[in-house]
N, C-alpha and C. Protein backbone atom coordinates (compact mmCIF):
# COMPACT_ATOMS: atom_id res chain seq x y z
N MET A 1 0.54 -1.33 -0.25
CA MET A 1 -0.14 0.57 -0.31
C MET A 1 0.96 1.22 -0.08
N GLY A 2 0.57 2.59 -0.47
CA GLY A 2 1.04 3.24 -0.41
C GLY A 2 1.55 3.75 -1.94
N VAL A 3 1.54 2.92 -2.97
CA VAL A 3 2.44 3.12 -3.83
C VAL A 3 1.29 3.53 -4.79
N PRO A 4 1.11 4.72 -5.79
CA PRO A 4 0.51 5.29 -6.97
C PRO A 4 0.31 4.06 -7.40
N GLY A 5 -1.00 3.90 -7.93
CA GLY A 5 -1.17 2.57 -8.81
C GLY A 5 -1.11 1.15 -8.34
N GLY A 6 -0.81 0.97 -7.67
CA GLY A 6 -0.62 -0.85 -6.78
C GLY A 6 -1.69 -1.12 -6.42
N VAL A 7 -2.85 -0.62 -6.66
CA VAL A 7 -4.17 -2.15 -6.20
C VAL A 7 -4.47 -1.93 -7.57
N PHE A 8 -4.28 -3.79 -8.08
CA PHE A 8 -4.89 -3.89 -9.19
C PHE A 8 -6.95 -4.32 -9.24
N THR A 9 -7.20 -2.92 -10.03
CA THR A 9 -8.65 -3.16 -9.52
C THR A 9 -9.35 -3.69 -11.10
N ALA A 10 -9.01 -4.37 -11.34
CA ALA A 10 -9.36 -5.53 -12.49
C ALA A 10 -10.83 -6.19 -11.48
N CYS A 11 -10.21 -6.46 -10.56
CA CYS A 11 -10.85 -7.55 -9.82
C CYS A 11 -10.60 -6.98 -8.15
N PHE A 12 -11.51 -6.59 -7.41
CA PHE A 12 -11.51 -6.45 -6.10
C PHE A 12 -13.15 -6.48 -5.36
N ALA A 13 -12.95 -6.34 -4.15
CA ALA A 13 -14.09 -6.28 -3.79
C ALA A 13 -14.27 -5.79 -2.37
N ILE A 14 -15.10 -4.81 -1.99
CA ILE A 14 -15.19 -4.07 -1.03
C ILE A 14 -16.50 -3.49 -1.03
N ARG A 15 -16.76 -3.19 0.58
CA ARG A 15 -18.12 -2.96 1.16
C ARG A 15 -19.02 -1.94 0.54
N ASN A 16 -19.96 -1.74 0.01
CA ASN A 16 -20.75 -0.51 -0.98
C ASN A 16 -20.70 0.41 0.16
N LYS A 17 -20.53 0.59 1.21
CA LYS A 17 -20.45 2.01 1.99
C LYS A 17 -19.13 2.47 1.67
N TYR A 18 -18.24 1.45 2.20
CA TYR A 18 -16.76 2.19 1.39
C TYR A 18 -16.46 2.36 0.30
N LEU A 19 -17.61 1.63 -0.69
CA LEU A 19 -17.32 2.06 -2.30
C LEU A 19 -17.73 3.75 -2.32
N LEU A 20 -18.90 3.52 -1.82
CA LEU A 20 -19.26 5.17 -1.83
C LEU A 20 -18.87 6.12 -0.94
N GLU A 21 -18.26 5.80 -0.33
CA GLU A 21 -17.31 7.04 0.62
C GLU A 21 -16.61 6.83 -0.65
N TRP A 22 -15.72 5.97 -0.78
CA TRP A 22 -14.69 6.30 -1.95
C TRP A 22 -14.80 7.59 -2.89
N LEU A 23 -15.91 6.87 -4.05
CA LEU A 23 -16.26 8.03 -4.76
C LEU A 23 -16.57 9.09 -4.96
N GLU A 24 -17.41 9.56 -3.14
CA GLU A 24 -17.56 10.75 -2.61
C GLU A 24 -16.46 11.59 -2.23
N THR A 25 -15.21 10.54 -2.06
CA THR A 25 -14.36 11.72 -1.52
C THR A 25 -13.19 11.94 -2.50
N ILE A 26 -13.25 11.46 -3.58
CA ILE A 26 -12.07 11.32 -5.14
C ILE A 26 -12.05 13.22 -5.63
N ASP A 27 -11.08 13.39 -5.24
CA ASP A 27 -10.57 14.47 -6.40
C ASP A 27 -10.05 14.40 -7.72
N TYR A 28 -11.37 14.61 -8.21
CA TYR A 28 -11.43 14.40 -10.18
C TYR A 28 -10.40 15.32 -10.54
N VAL A 29 -10.48 16.87 -9.83
CA VAL A 29 -9.39 17.87 -10.17
C VAL A 29 -8.10 17.50 -10.35
N THR A 30 -7.70 16.73 -8.49
CA THR A 30 -6.49 16.81 -8.33
C THR A 30 -5.75 15.69 -9.16
N MET A 31 -7.12 14.58 -9.66
CA MET A 31 -6.28 13.44 -10.15
C MET A 31 -6.19 13.52 -11.81
N GLU A 32 -6.56 14.41 -12.24
CA GLU A 32 -6.32 14.98 -14.18
C GLU A 32 -5.11 15.40 -13.89
N ARG A 33 -5.20 16.92 -13.06
CA ARG A 33 -4.02 17.88 -13.10
C ARG A 33 -2.42 16.80 -13.06
N GLU A 34 -2.61 16.05 -11.75
CA GLU A 34 -1.41 14.96 -11.00
C GLU A 34 -1.16 13.93 -12.39
N MET A 35 -2.04 13.58 -13.15
CA MET A 35 -2.33 12.47 -13.65
C MET A 35 -2.44 11.19 -13.00
N ILE A 36 -3.31 11.18 -11.96
CA ILE A 36 -3.22 10.21 -10.78
C ILE A 36 -4.22 9.18 -11.67
N THR A 37 -3.78 8.03 -11.78
CA THR A 37 -4.37 6.76 -11.90
C THR A 37 -5.94 6.74 -10.59
N LEU A 38 -6.95 5.63 -11.25
CA LEU A 38 -8.03 5.44 -10.46
C LEU A 38 -7.07 4.42 -9.50
N GLU A 39 -6.26 3.43 -9.97
CA GLU A 39 -5.52 2.73 -8.87
C GLU A 39 -4.99 3.14 -7.82
N GLY A 40 -3.72 4.12 -8.54
CA GLY A 40 -3.89 5.13 -7.36
C GLY A 40 -4.63 5.90 -6.64
N GLU A 41 -5.96 6.32 -6.93
CA GLU A 41 -6.21 7.02 -5.73
C GLU A 41 -7.28 5.77 -4.76
N PHE A 42 -7.75 4.52 -5.31
CA PHE A 42 -7.84 3.75 -4.66
C PHE A 42 -6.74 3.08 -3.56
N ASP A 43 -5.47 3.18 -4.01
CA ASP A 43 -4.67 2.86 -2.79
C ASP A 43 -4.62 3.90 -1.95
N PHE A 44 -4.55 5.59 -2.00
CA PHE A 44 -4.59 5.93 -1.33
C PHE A 44 -5.46 5.56 -0.20
N TYR A 45 -6.90 5.67 -0.76
CA TYR A 45 -7.98 5.57 0.23
C TYR A 45 -7.68 4.51 1.22
N ILE A 46 -7.52 3.35 0.50
CA ILE A 46 -6.72 2.05 1.61
C ILE A 46 -6.01 2.43 2.42
N SER A 47 -5.01 3.02 1.95
CA SER A 47 -3.70 3.37 3.33
C SER A 47 -4.04 4.66 4.35
N ARG A 48 -5.51 5.56 3.61
CA ARG A 48 -5.69 6.11 4.99
C ARG A 48 -6.59 5.90 5.71
N LYS A 49 -7.42 4.77 5.13
CA LYS A 49 -8.67 3.77 5.91
C LYS A 49 -7.46 2.77 6.75
N LEU A 50 -6.23 2.49 6.52
CA LEU A 50 -5.31 1.40 7.37
C LEU A 50 -5.25 2.02 8.61
N LYS A 51 -4.80 3.66 8.50
CA LYS A 51 -4.38 4.77 9.22
C LYS A 51 -5.04 4.73 10.58
N GLN A 52 -6.28 4.74 9.69
CA GLN A 52 -7.36 5.46 10.65
C GLN A 52 -8.09 3.76 11.67
N LYS A 53 -7.23 2.88 11.28
CA LYS A 53 -7.69 1.57 11.71
C LYS A 53 -9.33 1.57 11.55
N ALA A 54 -9.97 2.27 10.43
CA ALA A 54 -11.19 1.91 10.08
C ALA A 54 -11.75 0.59 9.25
N PHE A 55 -11.12 0.00 8.89
CA PHE A 55 -11.05 -1.00 8.46
C PHE A 55 -10.15 -2.47 8.47
N LYS A 56 -10.27 -3.25 7.74
CA LYS A 56 -9.51 -4.77 7.96
C LYS A 56 -9.17 -4.63 6.26
N VAL A 57 -8.03 -4.95 5.53
CA VAL A 57 -7.54 -5.61 4.55
C VAL A 57 -7.04 -7.06 4.25
N TYR A 58 -7.98 -7.81 3.25
CA TYR A 58 -7.09 -9.27 3.30
C TYR A 58 -6.86 -9.19 1.78
N LEU A 59 -5.45 -9.88 1.75
CA LEU A 59 -4.79 -10.14 0.64
C LEU A 59 -4.80 -11.81 0.28
N VAL A 60 -5.24 -12.19 -0.77
CA VAL A 60 -5.15 -13.76 -1.48
C VAL A 60 -4.61 -13.68 -2.43
N ASN A 61 -4.06 -15.14 -2.26
CA ASN A 61 -3.10 -15.76 -3.42
C ASN A 61 -4.27 -15.68 -4.40
N GLU A 62 -5.28 -16.17 -4.21
CA GLU A 62 -6.16 -16.98 -5.36
C GLU A 62 -7.81 -16.47 -5.02
N LEU A 63 -8.10 -16.26 -5.84
CA LEU A 63 -9.87 -16.09 -5.79
C LEU A 63 -11.08 -17.18 -6.37
N GLY A 64 -9.92 -18.04 -7.12
CA GLY A 64 -11.17 -19.06 -7.73
C GLY A 64 -11.93 -18.46 -8.72
N MET A 65 -11.21 -17.33 -9.59
CA MET A 65 -12.51 -16.92 -10.59
C MET A 65 -11.76 -16.96 -11.97
N LYS A 66 -12.17 -16.52 -12.55
CA LYS A 66 -11.27 -16.47 -14.21
C LYS A 66 -12.01 -15.56 -14.95
N TYR A 67 -11.56 -14.78 -15.78
CA TYR A 67 -12.48 -14.12 -16.83
C TYR A 67 -11.40 -14.00 -18.48
N ASN A 68 -12.46 -13.67 -19.29
CA ASN A 68 -11.87 -13.86 -20.65
C ASN A 68 -11.62 -12.50 -21.00
N LEU A 69 -10.50 -12.63 -20.90
CA LEU A 69 -9.66 -10.57 -21.47
C LEU A 69 -9.62 -10.44 -23.32
N LEU A 70 -10.01 -10.13 -23.71
CA LEU A 70 -10.15 -9.72 -25.64
C LEU A 70 -10.56 -11.08 -26.11
N GLY A 71 -11.59 -11.53 -25.57
CA GLY A 71 -12.45 -13.11 -25.85
C GLY A 71 -13.37 -12.54 -27.05
N SER A 72 -14.09 -13.55 -27.21
CA SER A 72 -14.99 -13.44 -28.42
C SER A 72 -15.83 -12.03 -28.23
N THR A 73 -16.74 -12.06 -26.90
CA THR A 73 -17.77 -11.25 -26.98
C THR A 73 -17.36 -9.98 -27.03
N THR A 74 -15.67 -9.39 -26.80
CA THR A 74 -15.48 -8.31 -26.64
C THR A 74 -14.42 -7.55 -27.63
N ALA A 75 -14.12 -8.79 -28.60
CA ALA A 75 -12.79 -8.01 -29.65
C ALA A 75 -13.41 -9.58 -30.43
N PRO A 76 -14.31 -9.68 -31.51
CA PRO A 76 -14.16 -10.76 -32.18
C PRO A 76 -13.67 -10.77 -33.16
N GLY A 77 -13.08 -12.05 -33.52
CA GLY A 77 -11.71 -12.47 -34.01
C GLY A 77 -10.75 -12.30 -33.68
N HIS A 78 -10.59 -11.99 -32.17
CA HIS A 78 -9.27 -11.41 -32.09
C HIS A 78 -8.46 -13.00 -30.80
N PRO A 79 -7.33 -13.48 -30.76
CA PRO A 79 -7.70 -14.46 -29.52
C PRO A 79 -7.91 -14.46 -28.33
N GLU A 80 -8.40 -15.47 -27.38
CA GLU A 80 -8.68 -15.33 -26.20
C GLU A 80 -7.67 -15.67 -25.39
N GLU A 81 -7.58 -14.32 -24.56
CA GLU A 81 -6.44 -14.44 -23.16
C GLU A 81 -7.17 -14.91 -21.82
N ILE A 82 -7.22 -16.01 -21.27
CA ILE A 82 -8.00 -16.40 -20.30
C ILE A 82 -6.88 -15.91 -18.97
N ILE A 83 -7.59 -15.31 -18.36
CA ILE A 83 -6.95 -14.65 -16.94
C ILE A 83 -7.28 -15.42 -15.81
N PHE A 84 -6.69 -16.10 -14.82
CA PHE A 84 -6.89 -16.44 -13.60
C PHE A 84 -6.66 -16.06 -12.53
N PHE A 85 -7.54 -15.80 -11.65
CA PHE A 85 -7.44 -15.39 -10.46
C PHE A 85 -7.62 -16.01 -9.05
């Protein structure tokens, strides 16, 4: 945590109340001016909440999920790239 862009947000879980709080506290002007990624902004939010001891973060090695990146439904005719989590 604490590294801009350090949270891979393609697949993550967060309670709805924290997701709404995060979305309401994003400073979009600063994000655009400083070119902060959404992942970086989420990392800042998590780091801030951890310092406040407001919630727990669980890191897991595997989620037992897979998704089809660039599969036939999103890019017809392109090869599939299956990503496992």
